[in-house]
Amino acid sequence: MSAIGLSNGKNFSISAYADYRHDSLVFSRVQSQQLRSMEWEGRLKPLHSWISLLGRGAVVLVFGGIILAFAL
């Protein structure tokens, strides 16, 4: 017996087979264009990058520090 409970015979093998085509893994160009032109694709604005978020945060911290320095 092996560690997983299977016999150690010479005729024993584990294999996997998946019947797939390249078309199953990628969108066709026509389908991608149809999805892109749907009405719900335009309702969301693109996400901001981390650099732009850090830049905005730095500006807010600088102005907050200036205001705090003059308030005290």
C-alpha atoms as a PDB file:
ATOM      1  CA  MET A   1       0.000   0.000   0.000  1.00  0.00           C
ATOM      2  CA  SER A   2       1.167   3.487  -0.735  1.00  0.00           C
ATOM      3  CA  ALA A   3       0.719   6.537   1.446  1.00  0.00           C
ATOM      4  CA  ILE A   4      -2.575   7.423  -0.265  1.00  0.00           C
ATOM      5  CA  GLY A   5      -3.954   3.904   0.043  1.00  0.00           C
ATOM      6  CA  LEU A   6      -3.369   2.660  -3.495  1.00  0.00           C
ATOM      7  CA  SER A   7      -1.571  -0.493  -4.449  1.00  0.00           C
ATOM      8  CA  ASN A   8       1.935  -0.227  -5.888  1.00  0.00           C
ATOM      9  CA  GLY A   9       1.275  -2.323  -8.978  1.00  0.00           C
ATOM     10  CA  LYS A  10       3.150  -1.760 -12.225  1.00  0.00           C
ATOM     11  CA  ASN A  11      -0.045  -1.408 -14.243  1.00  0.00           C
ATOM     12  CA  PHE A  12      -1.364   1.423 -12.096  1.00  0.00           C
ATOM     13  CA  SER A  13      -1.184   4.974 -13.468  1.00  0.00           C
ATOM     14  CA  ILE A  14      -2.963   8.241 -12.803  1.00  0.00           C
ATOM     15  CA  SER A  15      -3.754  10.423 -15.765  1.00  0.00           C
ATOM     16  CA  ALA A  16      -6.024  13.269 -16.691  1.00  0.00           C
ATOM     17  CA  TYR A  17      -7.471  14.215 -20.036  1.00  0.00           C
ATOM     18  CA  ALA A  18      -9.581  17.204 -20.925  1.00  0.00           C
ATOM     19  CA  ASP A  19     -11.237  17.553 -24.285  1.00  0.00           C
ATOM     20  CA  TYR A  20     -10.962  21.245 -25.089  1.00  0.00           C
ATOM     21  CA  ARG A  21     -10.287  23.433 -28.082  1.00  0.00           C
ATOM     22  CA  HIS A  22      -8.550  26.768 -28.335  1.00  0.00           C
ATOM     23  CA  ASP A  23     -11.935  28.383 -29.047  1.00  0.00           C
ATOM     24  CA  SER A  24     -13.151  27.270 -25.623  1.00  0.00           C
ATOM     25  CA  LEU A  25     -10.455  29.305 -23.877  1.00  0.00           C
ATOM     26  CA  VAL A  26     -10.643  32.660 -25.671  1.00  0.00           C
ATOM     27  CA  PHE A  27     -13.397  34.994 -26.837  1.00  0.00           C
ATOM     28  CA  SER A  28     -13.835  35.310 -30.533  1.00  0.00           C
ATOM     29  CA  ARG A  29     -13.234  38.817 -31.870  1.00  0.00           C
ATOM     30  CA  VAL A  30     -16.866  39.242 -32.858  1.00  0.00           C
ATOM     31  CA  GLN A  31     -18.170  38.307 -29.426  1.00  0.00           C
ATOM     32  CA  SER A  32     -15.714  40.672 -27.728  1.00  0.00           C
ATOM     33  CA  GLN A  33     -16.888  43.596 -29.874  1.00  0.00           C
ATOM     34  CA  GLN A  34     -20.527  42.759 -29.188  1.00  0.00           C
ATOM     35  CA  LEU A  35     -19.909  42.672 -25.426  1.00  0.00           C
ATOM     36  CA  ARG A  36     -17.976  45.950 -25.535  1.00  0.00           C
ATOM     37  CA  SER A  37     -20.815  47.744 -27.321  1.00  0.00           C
ATOM     38  CA  MET A  38     -23.503  46.716 -24.830  1.00  0.00           C
ATOM     39  CA  GLU A  39     -25.108  49.522 -22.844  1.00  0.00           C
ATOM     40  CA  TRP A  40     -23.925  48.314 -19.426  1.00  0.00           C
ATOM     41  CA  GLU A  41     -20.269  48.479 -20.466  1.00  0.00           C
ATOM     42  CA  GLY A  42     -20.228  52.282 -20.567  1.00  0.00           C
ATOM     43  CA  ARG A  43     -21.817  52.932 -17.178  1.00  0.00           C
ATOM     44  CA  LEU A  44     -18.717  52.282 -15.056  1.00  0.00           C
ATOM     45  CA  LYS A  45     -15.751  54.614 -15.048  1.00  0.00           C
ATOM     46  CA  PRO A  46     -12.327  52.973 -15.238  1.00  0.00           C
ATOM     47  CA  LEU A  47     -10.482  52.336 -11.989  1.00  0.00           C
ATOM     48  CA  HIS A  48      -7.752  54.714 -10.842  1.00  0.00           C
ATOM     49  CA  SER A  49      -4.170  53.575 -10.608  1.00  0.00           C
ATOM     50  CA  TRP A  50      -2.378  53.319  -7.262  1.00  0.00           C
ATOM     51  CA  ILE A  51      -0.065  56.171  -8.259  1.00  0.00           C
ATOM     52  CA  SER A  52      -2.962  58.574  -8.819  1.00  0.00           C
ATOM     53  CA  LEU A  53      -4.541  57.564  -5.502  1.00  0.00           C
ATOM     54  CA  LEU A  54      -1.253  58.078  -3.663  1.00  0.00           C
ATOM     55  CA  GLY A  55      -0.817  61.454  -5.339  1.00  0.00           C
ATOM     56  CA  ARG A  56      -4.258  62.595  -4.278  1.00  0.00           C
ATOM     57  CA  GLY A  57      -3.644  61.371  -0.754  1.00  0.00           C
ATOM     58  CA  ALA A  58      -0.335  63.255  -0.597  1.00  0.00           C
ATOM     59  CA  VAL A  59      -2.011  66.474  -1.750  1.00  0.00           C
ATOM     60  CA  VAL A  60      -4.724  66.092   0.899  1.00  0.00           C
ATOM     61  CA  LEU A  61      -2.105  65.462   3.606  1.00  0.00           C
ATOM     62  CA  VAL A  62      -0.066  68.523   2.576  1.00  0.00           C
ATOM     63  CA  PHE A  63      -3.082  70.828   2.580  1.00  0.00           C
ATOM     64  CA  GLY A  64      -4.267  69.347   5.865  1.00  0.00           C
ATOM     65  CA  GLY A  65      -0.844  69.961   7.377  1.00  0.00           C
ATOM     66  CA  ILE A  66      -0.799  73.558   6.152  1.00  0.00           C
ATOM     67  CA  ILE A  67      -4.261  74.223   7.555  1.00  0.00           C
ATOM     68  CA  LEU A  68      -3.341  72.556  10.848  1.00  0.00           C
ATOM     69  CA  ALA A  69      -0.098  74.564  11.097  1.00  0.00           C
ATOM     70  CA  PHE A  70      -1.917  77.890  10.669  1.00  0.00           C
ATOM     71  CA  ALA A  71      -4.787  76.875  12.960  1.00  0.00           C
ATOM     72  CA  LEU A  72      -2.504  76.240  15.922  1.00  0.00           C
END
